Protein backbone atom coordinates (compact mmCIF):
# COMPACT_ATOMS: atom_id res chain seq x y z
CA UNK A 1 0.00 0.00 0.00
CA UNK A 2 2.85 2.41 0.78
CA UNK A 3 4.38 2.10 -2.68
CA UNK A 4 1.02 2.58 -4.38
CA UNK A 5 0.34 5.62 -2.25
CA UNK A 6 3.72 7.10 -3.13
CA UNK A 7 3.13 6.49 -6.82
CA UNK A 8 -0.27 8.19 -6.73
CA UNK A 9 1.15 11.16 -4.89
CA UNK A 10 4.08 11.45 -7.28
CA UNK A 11 1.91 11.36 -10.38
CA UNK A 12 -0.59 13.87 -9.03
CA UNK A 13 2.07 16.22 -7.68
CA UNK A 14 3.98 16.16 -10.95
CA UNK A 15 0.90 16.90 -13.00
CA UNK A 16 -0.07 19.70 -10.64
CA UNK A 17 3.30 21.39 -10.98
CA UNK A 18 3.61 20.78 -14.71
CA UNK A 19 0.25 22.19 -15.72
CA UNK A 20 -1.97 24.28 -13.50
CA UNK A 21 -5.25 24.75 -15.34
CA UNK A 22 -8.21 25.79 -13.22
CA UNK A 23 -11.48 23.99 -13.89
CA UNK A 24 -14.31 25.41 -11.83
CA UNK A 25 -16.71 22.71 -10.65
CA UNK A 26 -19.59 25.14 -10.23
CA UNK A 27 -20.58 24.52 -6.63
CA UNK A 28 -23.79 26.44 -5.94
CA UNK A 29 -23.71 25.84 -2.20
CA UNK A 30 -22.00 29.01 -1.05
CA UNK A 31 -18.72 28.28 -2.83
CA UNK A 32 -18.16 31.59 -4.54
CA UNK A 33 -15.63 34.05 -3.20
CA UNK A 34 -17.31 36.62 -0.97
CA UNK A 35 -18.64 39.77 -2.59
CA UNK A 36 -19.07 43.30 -1.30
CA UNK A 37 -21.95 42.19 0.94
CA UNK A 38 -19.58 40.19 3.17
CA UNK A 39 -19.08 41.46 6.70
CA UNK A 40 -15.56 42.60 5.82
CA UNK A 41 -14.34 43.14 2.25
CA UNK A 42 -11.35 41.16 1.03
CA UNK A 43 -8.03 42.96 0.78
CA UNK A 44 -7.42 44.58 -2.62
CA UNK A 45 -3.74 43.66 -3.09
CA UNK A 46 -2.00 40.29 -2.92
CA UNK A 47 -0.24 40.45 0.41
CA UNK A 48 1.69 37.55 1.93
CA UNK A 49 -0.73 35.40 3.89
CA UNK A 50 -0.27 32.18 5.84
CA UNK A 51 -3.36 29.98 6.01
CA UNK A 52 -3.89 26.89 8.13
CA UNK A 53 -5.69 23.75 6.99
CA UNK A 54 -6.98 21.34 9.63
CA UNK A 55 -8.46 17.86 9.34
CA UNK A 56 -9.11 14.88 11.58
CA UNK A 57 -7.71 12.55 8.91
CA UNK A 58 -4.17 11.24 9.11
CA UNK A 59 -1.55 11.45 6.38
CA UNK A 60 -2.40 7.97 5.06
CA UNK A 61 -5.89 8.86 3.83
CA UNK A 62 -6.64 10.04 0.27
CA UNK A 63 -8.28 13.24 1.49
CA UNK A 64 -4.89 14.17 2.85
CA UNK A 65 -2.45 13.12 0.12
CA UNK A 66 -4.93 13.65 -2.75
CA UNK A 67 -6.70 16.55 -1.08
CA UNK A 68 -5.13 19.03 1.28
CA UNK A 69 -1.60 18.33 0.02
CA UNK A 70 -2.75 19.20 -3.50
CA UNK A 71 -4.38 22.34 -2.15
CA UNK A 72 -1.11 23.33 -0.50
CA UNK A 73 0.95 22.67 -3.63
CA UNK A 74 -1.35 24.59 -5.95
CA UNK A 75 -1.95 27.61 -3.77
CA UNK A 76 1.74 28.03 -3.00
CA UNK A 77 2.71 27.22 -6.61
CA UNK A 78 0.50 30.03 -7.94
CA UNK A 79 2.96 32.52 -6.42
CA UNK A 80 0.39 35.07 -5.30
CA UNK A 81 1.36 35.20 -1.64
CA UNK A 82 0.06 31.97 -0.14
CA UNK A 83 1.88 29.95 2.51
CA UNK A 84 -0.19 26.91 3.54
CA UNK A 85 0.33 24.99 6.78
CA UNK A 86 -1.29 21.55 7.18
CA UNK A 87 -2.48 20.10 10.48
CA UNK A 88 -3.71 16.51 10.00
CA UNK A 89 -4.79 13.86 12.55
CA UNK A 90 -6.71 16.28 14.80
CA UNK A 91 -3.53 18.12 15.75
CA UNK A 92 -5.63 21.24 16.39
CA UNK A 93 -8.29 19.33 18.33
CA UNK A 94 -11.39 17.27 17.48
CA UNK A 95 -13.96 18.53 14.99
CA UNK A 96 -16.30 20.18 17.50
CA UNK A 97 -13.44 22.03 19.20
CA UNK A 98 -12.03 23.28 15.90
CA UNK A 99 -15.23 24.80 14.57
CA UNK A 100 -15.20 27.92 16.81
CA UNK A 101 -11.58 28.47 15.71
CA UNK A 102 -12.74 28.34 12.09
CA UNK A 103 -15.44 30.90 12.84
CA UNK A 104 -12.83 33.21 14.35
CA UNK A 105 -10.43 32.74 11.43
CA UNK A 106 -7.80 31.14 13.68
CA UNK A 107 -8.13 28.01 11.54
CA UNK A 108 -8.57 29.09 7.94
CA UNK A 109 -9.72 25.91 6.20
CA UNK A 110 -11.16 22.80 7.81
CA UNK A 111 -12.49 19.48 6.58
CA UNK A 112 -15.54 18.55 8.62
CA UNK A 113 -18.33 16.01 8.48
CA UNK A 114 -21.92 17.25 8.48
CA UNK A 115 -22.68 15.45 11.74
CA UNK A 116 -20.02 17.47 13.54
CA UNK A 117 -21.29 20.70 11.97
CA UNK A 118 -24.84 19.87 13.05
CA UNK A 119 -23.92 20.53 16.67
CA UNK A 120 -23.83 24.20 15.65
CA UNK A 121 -26.48 24.17 12.91
CA UNK A 122 -28.77 21.16 13.23
CA UNK A 123 -30.33 21.00 9.73
CA UNK A 124 -26.98 20.35 8.03
CA UNK A 125 -26.85 16.94 9.71
CA UNK A 126 -29.36 15.56 7.20
CA UNK A 127 -26.66 15.15 4.58
CA UNK A 128 -25.08 12.48 6.81
CA UNK A 129 -28.28 10.44 7.09
CA UNK A 130 -27.93 6.84 5.94
CA UNK A 131 -28.84 6.40 2.28
CA UNK A 132 -29.73 10.10 1.93
CA UNK A 133 -27.63 9.95 -1.23
CA UNK A 134 -27.91 7.03 -3.62
CA UNK A 135 -24.27 7.31 -4.65
CA UNK A 136 -21.41 9.78 -5.13
CA UNK A 137 -22.88 11.18 -8.35
CA UNK A 138 -26.11 11.99 -6.50
CA UNK A 139 -24.13 13.74 -3.75
CA UNK A 140 -22.13 15.83 -6.22
CA UNK A 141 -25.29 16.69 -8.17
CA UNK A 142 -26.87 17.94 -4.94
CA UNK A 143 -23.78 19.98 -4.07
CA UNK A 144 -23.88 21.69 -7.46
CA UNK A 145 -27.63 22.01 -7.94
CA UNK A 146 -29.46 21.55 -4.65
CA UNK A 147 -27.34 22.73 -1.72
CA UNK A 148 -27.66 26.50 -1.99
CA UNK A 149 -30.56 27.02 0.42
CA UNK A 150 -29.09 24.80 3.14
CA UNK A 151 -25.57 26.14 2.85
CA UNK A 152 -26.73 29.75 2.71
CA UNK A 153 -28.71 29.21 5.91
CA UNK A 154 -25.62 27.60 7.47
CA UNK A 155 -23.50 30.59 6.47
CA UNK A 156 -26.07 33.07 7.76
CA UNK A 157 -26.14 31.27 11.11
CA UNK A 158 -22.40 30.73 11.54
CA UNK A 159 -20.40 33.11 9.33
CA UNK A 160 -18.78 30.05 7.77
CA UNK A 161 -19.06 29.06 4.11
CA UNK A 162 -19.22 25.51 2.78
CA UNK A 163 -17.04 25.90 -0.30
CA UNK A 164 -17.39 22.35 -1.62
CA UNK A 165 -17.37 18.70 -0.57
CA UNK A 166 -14.71 16.06 -1.20
CA UNK A 167 -15.60 12.37 -1.26
CA UNK A 168 -14.24 10.59 1.78
CA UNK A 169 -15.44 7.11 0.85
CA UNK A 170 -18.66 5.16 1.36
CA UNK A 171 -19.14 4.17 4.99
CA UNK A 172 -19.39 0.41 5.52
CA UNK A 173 -19.47 -1.95 8.48
CA UNK A 174 -16.41 -3.91 9.51
CA UNK A 175 -16.77 -6.47 12.28
CA UNK A 176 -15.07 -9.28 14.14
CA UNK A 177 -16.68 -12.46 12.78
CA UNK A 178 -20.18 -10.93 12.44
CA UNK A 179 -21.54 -11.38 8.92
CA UNK A 180 -24.17 -8.75 8.19
CA UNK A 181 -26.55 -9.24 5.28
CA UNK A 182 -29.69 -7.49 6.56
CA UNK A 183 -30.73 -5.11 9.35
CA UNK A 184 -31.81 -8.10 11.43
CA UNK A 185 -28.18 -9.22 11.66
CA UNK A 186 -27.32 -6.04 13.60
CA UNK A 187 -29.82 -6.62 16.41
CA UNK A 188 -27.91 -6.71 19.70
CA UNK A 189 -24.49 -6.37 18.05
CA UNK A 190 -22.31 -3.68 19.70
CA UNK A 191 -21.16 -1.50 16.80
CA UNK A 192 -19.21 1.70 17.36
CA UNK A 193 -20.73 4.88 15.96
CA UNK A 194 -19.45 8.44 16.39
CA UNK A 195 -21.09 10.17 19.33
CA UNK A 196 -23.32 12.66 17.54
CA UNK A 197 -27.12 12.78 17.35
CA UNK A 198 -27.07 12.18 13.58
CA UNK A 199 -24.78 9.16 13.70
CA UNK A 200 -26.70 7.63 16.61
CA UNK A 201 -29.88 8.15 14.60
CA UNK A 202 -28.11 6.39 11.72
CA UNK A 203 -27.45 3.43 13.99
CA UNK A 204 -31.15 3.14 14.79
CA UNK A 205 -32.11 3.59 11.14
CA UNK A 206 -29.87 0.68 10.16
CA UNK A 207 -31.13 -1.67 12.87
CA UNK A 208 -28.26 -1.34 15.35
CA UNK A 209 -29.84 -1.73 18.78
CA UNK A 210 -26.59 -1.63 20.77
CA UNK A 211 -24.50 1.26 19.46
CA UNK A 212 -21.23 1.98 21.23
CA UNK A 213 -20.17 5.62 21.39
CA UNK A 214 -16.50 6.12 22.13
CA UNK A 215 -14.15 8.88 21.00
CA UNK A 216 -12.22 8.21 17.82
CA UNK A 217 -9.01 7.99 19.87
CA UNK A 218 -10.52 5.07 21.81
CA UNK A 219 -11.97 3.04 18.94
CA UNK A 220 -8.99 0.73 18.45
CA UNK A 221 -8.79 -0.23 22.13
CA UNK A 222 -12.58 -0.66 22.31
CA UNK A 223 -12.37 -3.13 19.42
CA UNK A 224 -9.39 -4.91 20.96
CA UNK A 225 -11.19 -5.31 24.27
CA UNK A 226 -14.47 -6.41 22.71
CA UNK A 227 -16.39 -3.40 24.00
CA UNK A 228 -17.43 -3.09 20.37
CA UNK A 229 -17.23 -5.93 17.84
CA UNK A 230 -17.49 -3.66 14.83
CA UNK A 231 -17.40 -0.10 13.55
CA UNK A 232 -18.45 1.86 10.48
CA UNK A 233 -16.19 3.96 8.32
CA UNK A 234 -15.03 4.24 4.72
CA UNK A 235 -12.64 1.45 3.79
CA UNK A 236 -9.75 3.90 3.47
CA UNK A 237 -10.30 5.15 7.03
CA UNK A 238 -10.72 1.64 8.43
CA UNK A 239 -7.40 0.67 6.87
CA UNK A 240 -5.45 3.83 7.70
CA UNK A 241 -6.57 3.57 11.35
CA UNK A 242 -5.50 -0.12 11.45
CA UNK A 243 -8.92 -1.30 12.61
CA UNK A 244 -8.46 -4.19 10.18
CA UNK A 245 -5.77 -5.51 12.53
CA UNK A 246 -8.62 -6.40 14.89
CA UNK A 247 -11.59 -6.81 12.53
CA UNK A 248 -11.89 -9.37 9.75
CA UNK A 249 -15.33 -9.05 8.14
CA UNK A 250 -16.08 -6.28 5.65
CA UNK A 251 -19.72 -5.56 4.80
CA UNK A 252 -20.10 -3.53 1.60
CA UNK A 253 -23.54 -2.10 2.35
CA UNK A 254 -22.36 1.49 1.61
CA UNK A 255 -24.84 3.06 4.01
CA UNK A 256 -23.47 6.58 3.76
CA UNK A 257 -21.72 8.61 1.07
CA UNK A 258 -18.99 10.10 3.21
CA UNK A 259 -18.26 13.73 2.35
CA UNK A 260 -15.73 16.05 3.94
CA UNK A 261 -17.06 19.57 3.70
CA UNK A 262 -14.40 22.20 3.09
CA UNK A 263 -15.32 25.17 5.24
CA UNK A 264 -13.87 28.69 5.32
CA UNK A 265 -15.10 31.60 7.44
CA UNK A 266 -15.76 35.19 6.46
CA UNK A 267 -12.93 36.12 8.83
CA UNK A 268 -10.47 34.20 6.64
CA UNK A 269 -11.81 35.63 3.38
CA UNK A 270 -11.32 39.11 4.83
CA UNK A 271 -7.56 38.41 4.96
CA UNK A 272 -7.41 37.56 1.26
CA UNK A 273 -7.30 39.68 -1.85
CA UNK A 274 -9.97 39.09 -4.45
CA UNK A 275 -7.49 37.14 -6.58
CA UNK A 276 -6.43 34.99 -3.62
CA UNK A 277 -10.04 34.29 -2.59
CA UNK A 278 -10.97 33.33 -6.15
CA UNK A 279 -7.97 31.03 -6.48
CA UNK A 280 -8.78 29.37 -3.16
CA UNK A 281 -12.34 28.56 -4.19
CA UNK A 282 -11.42 27.45 -7.70
CA UNK A 283 -8.65 25.18 -6.43
CA UNK A 284 -10.92 23.53 -3.87
CA UNK A 285 -13.48 22.91 -6.63
CA UNK A 286 -10.98 21.52 -9.14
CA UNK A 287 -9.57 19.04 -6.61
CA UNK A 288 -12.96 17.40 -6.02
CA UNK A 289 -12.99 15.00 -9.03
CA UNK A 290 -9.29 14.20 -8.67
CA UNK A 291 -9.77 13.39 -5.02
CA UNK A 292 -12.79 11.18 -5.79
CA UNK A 293 -10.74 9.14 -8.29
CA UNK A 294 -7.97 8.78 -5.74
CA UNK A 295 -10.39 7.57 -3.05
CA UNK A 296 -11.92 5.04 -5.44
CA UNK A 297 -8.50 3.73 -6.45
CA UNK A 298 -7.29 3.40 -2.87
CA UNK A 299 -10.53 1.71 -1.81
CA UNK A 300 -10.30 -0.90 -4.55
CA UNK A 301 -6.65 -1.63 -3.77
CA UNK A 302 -7.49 -2.28 -0.12
CA UNK A 303 -10.52 -4.40 -1.00
CA UNK A 304 -8.42 -6.46 -3.42
CA UNK A 305 -6.00 -7.14 -0.57
CA UNK A 306 -8.87 -8.27 1.67
CA UNK A 307 -10.36 -10.48 -1.03
CA UNK A 308 -7.02 -12.15 -1.62
CA UNK A 309 -6.40 -12.83 2.08
CA UNK A 310 -8.08 -15.85 3.69
CA UNK A 311 -8.04 -14.05 7.03
CA UNK A 312 -10.76 -11.68 5.75
CA UNK A 313 -14.35 -12.16 4.65
CA UNK A 314 -15.77 -9.61 2.23
CA UNK A 315 -19.56 -9.59 1.98
CA UNK A 316 -20.37 -8.13 -1.41
CA UNK A 317 -23.47 -6.05 -2.15
CA UNK A 318 -25.02 -8.86 -4.18
CA UNK A 319 -25.18 -10.87 -0.96
CA UNK A 320 -26.75 -8.03 1.09
CA UNK A 321 -30.44 -7.14 1.29
CA UNK A 322 -29.83 -3.57 0.20
CA UNK A 323 -33.55 -2.88 -0.26
CA UNK A 324 -34.15 -3.74 3.39
CA UNK A 325 -31.45 -1.35 4.57
CA UNK A 326 -32.57 1.48 2.28
CA UNK A 327 -36.30 1.19 2.98
CA UNK A 328 -35.71 0.93 6.73
CA UNK A 329 -33.59 4.08 6.68
CA UNK A 330 -36.02 6.08 4.56
CA UNK A 331 -38.99 5.16 6.76
CA UNK A 332 -37.03 6.05 9.88
CA UNK A 333 -35.87 9.47 8.71
CA UNK A 334 -39.26 10.49 7.32
CA UNK A 335 -40.46 10.24 10.92
CA UNK A 336 -37.27 11.41 12.65
CA UNK A 337 -36.62 14.71 10.88
CA UNK A 338 -38.91 17.71 11.31
CA UNK A 339 -39.24 21.25 9.95
CA UNK A 340 -36.12 22.53 8.11
CA UNK A 341 -34.32 19.23 8.50
CA UNK A 342 -37.19 17.25 6.98
CA UNK A 343 -37.46 19.69 4.07
CA UNK A 344 -33.73 19.41 3.40
CA UNK A 345 -33.81 15.60 3.59
CA UNK A 346 -36.80 15.36 1.25
CA UNK A 347 -35.14 17.73 -1.22
CA UNK A 348 -32.09 15.48 -1.33
CA UNK A 349 -34.20 12.41 -1.92
CA UNK A 350 -36.29 14.14 -4.60
CA UNK A 351 -33.15 14.99 -6.57
CA UNK A 352 -32.44 11.26 -6.88
CA UNK A 353 -35.84 10.51 -8.43
């Protein structure tokens, strides 16, 4: 895996330095550089500026080496005054603790999940609901064509813009010897879920009656000790966190299209010139498809390793009652969400029809 990762990084880095052509992805969800209506106008000249980029992901995940590293290379390579400092692996604190720092402009760019953001603005949590999106294409279509109302409301409430979303990987179950083919197979099984209202609702929607909520720093030991016998994460995160040293059964039910939302506050935009702000947004947009390809490639490489190793069992989608999972989730969330959250959830689902 290390050699493959190095090869991917080398190819992408070389292409980025050899030819820097901006392709705007057209995100309608608050991704444009701020205009004169912003609380503070952007600086007019390109002054030297150092911006920080924070993420909970470690350096072994695609959203780091095919995401924020590309952002650093391209912003600094444009030679318009950017110095970019990267802080992976929650070096600046967990998601919830970092968000107020983003609002203040002390952290300039952050990669956050919607469930974490929902602790500040509840309706945004709907985008993390199980099976809200049919697939990655549906998620990207919604970002470009359906997210504006929700993201504008988020910005109005927080002063933070959702510039775009990068694919993190489809969340799947991995367990120790528990083969899951339908929601019934999760009854009474202690599965770790992140400790947020949205993710705990996801557990219920999927049929998990015994969710285990421990901090991400404690997941490995909880799995070792049998406090939990499974967890849910994209394959790339399961592998980079070494949970597959303890777990041996991979369930490809793809219950959530994992998206890392790239957020930037008005306070940060106020430090940038118009040219710098435009470049920042355009670069974040152009990385999205490259990052998605990188995630898909890394996921398939890891799955091929699992499939070729007798120590692992991979339960393919053809052997899973996907209709049972999807219908159970949809019925649950139609009754769980209310008001703005229900409207946002229904709008997402309608875009898939």
